[in-house]
PDB file of N, CA and C in Angstrom:
ATOM      1  N   MET A   1      18.726 -11.367  -5.114  1.00  0.00           N
ATOM      2  CA  MET A   1      17.709 -10.833  -4.236  1.00  0.00           C
ATOM      3  C   MET A   1      16.344 -11.029  -4.906  1.00  0.00           C
ATOM      4  N   ARG A   2      15.378 -11.571  -4.172  1.00  0.00           N
ATOM      5  CA  ARG A   2      14.038 -11.777  -4.706  1.00  0.00           C
ATOM      6  C   ARG A   2      13.044 -11.031  -3.837  1.00  0.00           C
ATOM      7  N   ILE A   3      12.249 -10.188  -4.470  1.00  0.00           N
ATOM      8  CA  ILE A   3      11.165  -9.459  -3.799  1.00  0.00           C
ATOM      9  C   ILE A   3       9.933  -9.640  -4.645  1.00  0.00           C
ATOM     10  N   LEU A   4       8.868 -10.146  -4.023  1.00  0.00           N
ATOM     11  CA  LEU A   4       7.594 -10.406  -4.692  1.00  0.00           C
ATOM     12  C   LEU A   4       7.773 -11.289  -5.918  1.00  0.00           C
ATOM     13  N   GLY A   5       8.695 -12.231  -5.832  1.00  0.00           N
ATOM     14  CA  GLY A   5       8.926 -13.155  -6.935  1.00  0.00           C
ATOM     15  C   GLY A   5       9.691 -12.590  -8.097  1.00  0.00           C
ATOM     16  N   MET A   6      10.306 -11.417  -7.926  1.00  0.00           N
ATOM     17  CA  MET A   6      11.095 -10.789  -9.001  1.00  0.00           C
ATOM     18  C   MET A   6      12.559 -10.742  -8.622  1.00  0.00           C
ATOM     19  N   ASP A   7      13.413 -10.957  -9.573  1.00  0.00           N
ATOM     20  CA  ASP A   7      14.856 -10.873  -9.337  1.00  0.00           C
ATOM     21  C   ASP A   7      15.327  -9.439  -9.521  1.00  0.00           C
ATOM     22  N   THR A   8      16.618  -9.242  -9.275  1.00  0.00           N
ATOM     23  CA  THR A   8      17.207  -7.902  -9.337  1.00  0.00           C
ATOM     24  C   THR A   8      17.029  -7.213 -10.689  1.00  0.00           C
ATOM     25  N   PRO A   9      17.249  -7.878 -11.835  1.00  0.00           N
ATOM     26  CA  PRO A   9      17.080  -7.175 -13.118  1.00  0.00           C
ATOM     27  C   PRO A   9      15.645  -6.640 -13.321  1.00  0.00           C
ATOM     28  N   GLU A  10      14.653  -7.431 -12.919  1.00  0.00           N
ATOM     29  CA  GLU A  10      13.270  -6.968 -13.078  1.00  0.00           C
ATOM     30  C   GLU A  10      13.003  -5.773 -12.199  1.00  0.00           C
ATOM     31  N   LEU A  11      13.498  -5.800 -10.969  1.00  0.00           N
ATOM     32  CA  LEU A  11      13.306  -4.667 -10.054  1.00  0.00           C
ATOM     33  C   LEU A  11      13.979  -3.402 -10.573  1.00  0.00           C
ATOM     34  N   LEU A  12      15.191  -3.564 -11.122  1.00  0.00           N
ATOM     35  CA  LEU A  12      15.902  -2.416 -11.691  1.00  0.00           C
ATOM     36  C   LEU A  12      15.144  -1.838 -12.889  1.00  0.00           C
ATOM     37  N   PHE A  13      14.595  -2.709 -13.721  1.00  0.00           N
ATOM     38  CA  PHE A  13      13.826  -2.255 -14.885  1.00  0.00           C
ATOM     39  C   PHE A  13      12.584  -1.492 -14.457  1.00  0.00           C
ATOM     40  N   ILE A  14      11.890  -2.001 -13.449  1.00  0.00           N
ATOM     41  CA  ILE A  14      10.685  -1.310 -12.958  1.00  0.00           C
ATOM     42  C   ILE A  14      11.083   0.028 -12.345  1.00  0.00           C
ATOM     43  N   GLY A  15      12.195   0.057 -11.609  1.00  0.00           N
ATOM     44  CA  GLY A  15      12.693   1.328 -11.048  1.00  0.00           C
ATOM     45  C   GLY A  15      13.028   2.352 -12.112  1.00  0.00           C
ATOM     46  N   LEU A  16      13.636   1.895 -13.190  1.00  0.00           N
ATOM     47  CA  LEU A  16      13.974   2.780 -14.303  1.00  0.00           C
ATOM     48  C   LEU A  16      12.730   3.362 -14.963  1.00  0.00           C
ATOM     49  N   ILE A  17      11.725   2.530 -15.146  1.00  0.00           N
ATOM     50  CA  ILE A  17      10.458   2.959 -15.726  1.00  0.00           C
ATOM     51  C   ILE A  17       9.808   4.016 -14.832  1.00  0.00           C
ATOM     52  N   VAL A  18       9.826   3.801 -13.529  1.00  0.00           N
ATOM     53  CA  VAL A  18       9.234   4.740 -12.576  1.00  0.00           C
ATOM     54  C   VAL A  18       9.955   6.078 -12.661  1.00  0.00           C
ATOM     55  N   VAL A  19      11.279   6.059 -12.710  1.00  0.00           N
ATOM     56  CA  VAL A  19      12.052   7.305 -12.787  1.00  0.00           C
ATOM     57  C   VAL A  19      11.745   8.027 -14.111  1.00  0.00           C
ATOM     58  N   LEU A  20      11.616   7.294 -15.207  1.00  0.00           N
ATOM     59  CA  LEU A  20      11.316   7.911 -16.484  1.00  0.00           C
ATOM     60  C   LEU A  20       9.888   8.521 -16.493  1.00  0.00           C
ATOM     61  N   LEU A  21       8.965   7.848 -15.880  1.00  0.00           N
ATOM     62  CA  LEU A  21       7.592   8.336 -15.861  1.00  0.00           C
ATOM     63  C   LEU A  21       7.402   9.559 -14.970  1.00  0.00           C
ATOM     64  N   PHE A  22       7.957   9.520 -13.771  1.00  0.00           N
ATOM     65  CA  PHE A  22       7.686  10.559 -12.799  1.00  0.00           C
ATOM     66  C   PHE A  22       8.813  11.572 -12.637  1.00  0.00           C
ATOM     67  N   GLY A  23      10.016  11.216 -13.037  1.00  0.00           N
ATOM     68  CA  GLY A  23      11.146  12.111 -12.879  1.00  0.00           C
ATOM     69  C   GLY A  23      11.772  11.957 -11.500  1.00  0.00           C
ATOM     70  N   ALA A  24      13.066  12.176 -11.427  1.00  0.00           N
ATOM     71  CA  ALA A  24      13.783  11.974 -10.176  1.00  0.00           C
ATOM     72  C   ALA A  24      13.367  12.970  -9.095  1.00  0.00           C
ATOM     73  N   ASN A  25      12.940  14.156  -9.497  1.00  0.00           N
ATOM     74  CA  ASN A  25      12.553  15.167  -8.487  1.00  0.00           C
ATOM     75  C   ASN A  25      11.213  14.840  -7.839  1.00  0.00           C
ATOM     76  N   LYS A  26      10.361  14.110  -8.502  1.00  0.00           N
ATOM     77  CA  LYS A  26       9.037  13.779  -7.953  1.00  0.00           C
ATOM     78  C   LYS A  26       9.016  12.512  -7.105  1.00  0.00           C
ATOM     79  N   LEU A  27      10.088  11.697  -7.163  1.00  0.00           N
ATOM     80  CA  LEU A  27      10.093  10.415  -6.460  1.00  0.00           C
ATOM     81  C   LEU A  27       9.918  10.540  -4.945  1.00  0.00           C
ATOM     82  N   PRO A  28      10.579  11.486  -4.231  1.00  0.00           N
ATOM     83  CA  PRO A  28      10.337  11.583  -2.787  1.00  0.00           C
ATOM     84  C   PRO A  28       8.888  11.939  -2.473  1.00  0.00           C
ATOM     85  N   GLU A  29       8.315  12.818  -3.252  1.00  0.00           N
ATOM     86  CA  GLU A  29       6.916  13.226  -3.045  1.00  0.00           C
ATOM     87  C   GLU A  29       5.995  12.037  -3.306  1.00  0.00           C
ATOM     88  N   LEU A  30       6.271  11.262  -4.323  1.00  0.00           N
ATOM     89  CA  LEU A  30       5.480  10.087  -4.657  1.00  0.00           C
ATOM     90  C   LEU A  30       5.568   9.042  -3.559  1.00  0.00           C
ATOM     91  N   GLY A  31       6.782   8.823  -3.050  1.00  0.00           N
ATOM     92  CA  GLY A  31       6.979   7.860  -1.966  1.00  0.00           C
ATOM     93  C   GLY A  31       6.232   8.254  -0.714  1.00  0.00           C
ATOM     94  N   LYS A  32       6.259   9.532  -0.391  1.00  0.00           N
ATOM     95  CA  LYS A  32       5.552  10.018   0.792  1.00  0.00           C
ATOM     96  C   LYS A  32       4.046   9.840   0.619  1.00  0.00           C
ATOM     97  N   SER A  33       3.539  10.093  -0.553  1.00  0.00           N
ATOM     98  CA  SER A  33       2.120   9.912  -0.824  1.00  0.00           C
ATOM     99  C   SER A  33       1.708   8.454  -0.680  1.00  0.00           C
ATOM    100  N   VAL A  34       2.520   7.548  -1.207  1.00  0.00           N
ATOM    101  CA  VAL A  34       2.229   6.116  -1.123  1.00  0.00           C
ATOM    102  C   VAL A  34       2.233   5.672   0.328  1.00  0.00           C
ATOM    103  N   ALA A  35       3.233   6.137   1.112  1.00  0.00           N
ATOM    104  CA  ALA A  35       3.315   5.759   2.524  1.00  0.00           C
ATOM    105  C   ALA A  35       2.097   6.272   3.293  1.00  0.00           C
ATOM    106  N   THR A  36       1.680   7.495   3.039  1.00  0.00           N
ATOM    107  CA  THR A  36       0.514   8.040   3.706  1.00  0.00           C
ATOM    108  C   THR A  36      -0.741   7.251   3.350  1.00  0.00           C
ATOM    109  N   THR A  37      -0.869   6.888   2.088  1.00  0.00           N
ATOM    110  CA  THR A  37      -2.022   6.102   1.662  1.00  0.00           C
ATOM    111  C   THR A  37      -2.058   4.746   2.339  1.00  0.00           C
ATOM    112  N   ILE A  38      -0.918   4.079   2.449  1.00  0.00           N
ATOM    113  CA  ILE A  38      -0.861   2.767   3.105  1.00  0.00           C
ATOM    114  C   ILE A  38      -1.208   2.903   4.573  1.00  0.00           C
ATOM    115  N   LYS A  39      -0.692   3.964   5.251  1.00  0.00           N
ATOM    116  CA  LYS A  39      -1.006   4.171   6.666  1.00  0.00           C
ATOM    117  C   LYS A  39      -2.512   4.363   6.860  1.00  0.00           C
ATOM    118  N   GLU A  40      -3.112   5.198   6.022  1.00  0.00           N
ATOM    119  CA  GLU A  40      -4.555   5.450   6.141  1.00  0.00           C
ATOM    120  C   GLU A  40      -5.368   4.188   5.878  1.00  0.00           C
ATOM    121  N   PHE A  41      -4.927   3.372   4.908  1.00  0.00           N
ATOM    122  CA  PHE A  41      -5.634   2.158   4.602  1.00  0.00           C
ATOM    123  C   PHE A  41      -5.579   1.178   5.791  1.00  0.00           C
ATOM    124  N   LYS A  42      -4.385   1.029   6.384  1.00  0.00           N
ATOM    125  CA  LYS A  42      -4.246   0.140   7.528  1.00  0.00           C
ATOM    126  C   LYS A  42      -5.077   0.629   8.688  1.00  0.00           C
ATOM    127  N   LYS A  43      -5.111   1.949   8.900  1.00  0.00           N
ATOM    128  CA  LYS A  43      -5.908   2.528   9.992  1.00  0.00           C
ATOM    129  C   LYS A  43      -7.398   2.255   9.756  1.00  0.00           C
ATOM    130  N   ALA A  44      -7.844   2.399   8.528  1.00  0.00           N
ATOM    131  CA  ALA A  44      -9.263   2.138   8.215  1.00  0.00           C
ATOM    132  C   ALA A  44      -9.603   0.673   8.360  1.00  0.00           C
ATOM    133  N   MET A  45      -8.690  -0.213   8.064  1.00  0.00           N
ATOM    134  CA  MET A  45      -8.940  -1.654   8.196  1.00  0.00           C
ATOM    135  C   MET A  45      -9.072  -2.057   9.676  1.00  0.00           C
ATOM    136  N   LYS A  46      -8.336  -1.371  10.555  1.00  0.00           N
ATOM    137  CA  LYS A  46      -8.398  -1.681  11.981  1.00  0.00           C
ATOM    138  C   LYS A  46      -9.684  -1.181  12.617  1.00  0.00           C
ATOM    139  N   GLU A  47     -10.175  -0.063  12.133  1.00  0.00           N
ATOM    140  CA  GLU A  47     -11.411   0.515  12.659  1.00  0.00           C
ATOM    141  C   GLU A  47     -12.629  -0.205  12.062  1.00  0.00           C
ATOM    142  N   THR A  48     -13.469  -0.697  12.944  1.00  0.00           N
ATOM    143  CA  THR A  48     -14.699  -1.297  12.426  1.00  0.00           C
ATOM    144  C   THR A  48     -15.890  -0.560  13.049  1.00  0.00           C
ATOM    145  N   PRO A  49     -16.810  -0.140  12.256  1.00  0.00           N
ATOM    146  CA  PRO A  49     -17.970   0.537  12.803  1.00  0.00           C
ATOM    147  C   PRO A  49     -18.809  -0.418  13.677  1.00  0.00           C
ATOM    148  N   ALA A  50     -19.562   0.136  14.604  1.00  0.00           N
ATOM    149  CA  ALA A  50     -20.386  -0.670  15.498  1.00  0.00           C
ATOM    150  C   ALA A  50     -21.439  -1.450  14.718  1.00  0.00           C
ATOM    151  N   ASP A  51     -21.870  -0.974  13.581  1.00  0.00           N
ATOM    152  CA  ASP A  51     -22.870  -1.639  12.764  1.00  0.00           C
ATOM    153  C   ASP A  51     -22.379  -2.947  12.229  1.00  0.00           C
ATOM    154  N   ASP A  52     -21.070  -3.061  12.005  1.00  0.00           N
ATOM    155  CA  ASP A  52     -20.509  -4.278  11.424  1.00  0.00           C
ATOM    156  C   ASP A  52     -20.406  -5.407  12.448  1.00  0.00           C
ATOM    157  N   LYS A  53     -20.391  -5.055  13.709  1.00  0.00           N
ATOM    158  CA  LYS A  53     -20.277  -6.075  14.752  1.00  0.00           C
ATOM    159  C   LYS A  53     -21.654  -6.695  14.990  1.00  0.00           C
ATOM    160  N   LYS A  54     -21.741  -7.986  14.783  1.00  0.00           N
ATOM    161  CA  LYS A  54     -22.994  -8.698  14.986  1.00  0.00           C
ATOM    162  C   LYS A  54     -22.858  -9.560  16.226  1.00  0.00           C
ATOM    163  N   PRO A  55     -23.863  -9.497  17.077  1.00  0.00           N
ATOM    164  CA  PRO A  55     -23.798 -10.361  18.262  1.00  0.00           C
ATOM    165  C   PRO A  55     -23.903 -11.814  17.859  1.00  0.00           C
ATOM    166  N   THR A  56     -23.188 -12.662  18.565  1.00  0.00           N
ATOM    167  CA  THR A  56     -23.193 -14.078  18.220  1.00  0.00           C
ATOM    168  C   THR A  56     -24.261 -14.824  18.990  1.00  0.00           C
ATOM    169  N   ASP A  57     -24.804 -14.230  20.026  1.00  0.00           N
ATOM    170  CA  ASP A  57     -25.796 -14.882  20.854  1.00  0.00           C
ATOM    171  C   ASP A  57     -27.135 -14.106  20.761  1.00  0.00           C
ATOM    172  N   GLU A  58     -27.864 -14.292  19.737  1.00  0.00           N
ATOM    173  CA  GLU A  58     -29.131 -13.613  19.592  1.00  0.00           C
ATOM    174  C   GLU A  58     -30.254 -14.528  20.049  1.00  0.00           C
ATOM    175  N   LYS A  59     -31.178 -13.965  20.812  1.00  0.00           N
ATOM    176  CA  LYS A  59     -32.350 -14.703  21.253  1.00  0.00           C
ATOM    177  C   LYS A  59     -33.543 -14.247  20.432  1.00  0.00           C
ATOM    178  N   LYS A  60     -34.348 -15.182  19.984  1.00  0.00           N
ATOM    179  CA  LYS A  60     -35.501 -14.860  19.167  1.00  0.00           C
ATOM    180  C   LYS A  60     -36.766 -14.939  19.966  1.00  0.00           C
TER     181      LYS A  60
END
């Protein structure tokens, strides 16, 4: 299995490091926080303020 160019052993190693750093009890909370952050980021990327929109047909 390859994800982001990494094979299974690399992914398992990264997972082990995450568990050691944050602890097994904090992982669900951490996952929820990451998901919320990604959702908010995507929402902000879709919203563009009116100031950013420039008319393409300007008359001088």
